[in-house]
Amino acid sequence: MISSERRGERASGPDIPAACELAGVTGREREVLTLVGRGLSNAEIAAELHISPGTAKAHVASLFTKLAARDRIQLVITAYDAGLVSPSR
């Protein structure tokens, strides 16, 4: 039997936020989450959205709290799960 992870499906668990949790995320936070999902740093996010680096950092911190994410990687996973970003070829 092939495990779900070997078939390319992500295993879900309490440590990884689900896409349905995006309901409490603001539009601007969704934009920031998309950019985090694309691998941008806080400084790059700030430049892309024409905001200060401190504001970008605050949006990322808010996403950590709202999505119960432990680290940036979990935010990236959430961005992919929510369909905000897709793998580039």
Foldseek 3Di string as FASTA:
>chain_A
DDDCVVVVHDDDDPQAFALVLCPPPDPVLLLLLLVLLVVDDLCRSCVVVVHDSVVSVVSVVVCCVSRVHPDSVSSNVNCVNNVSDDDDD
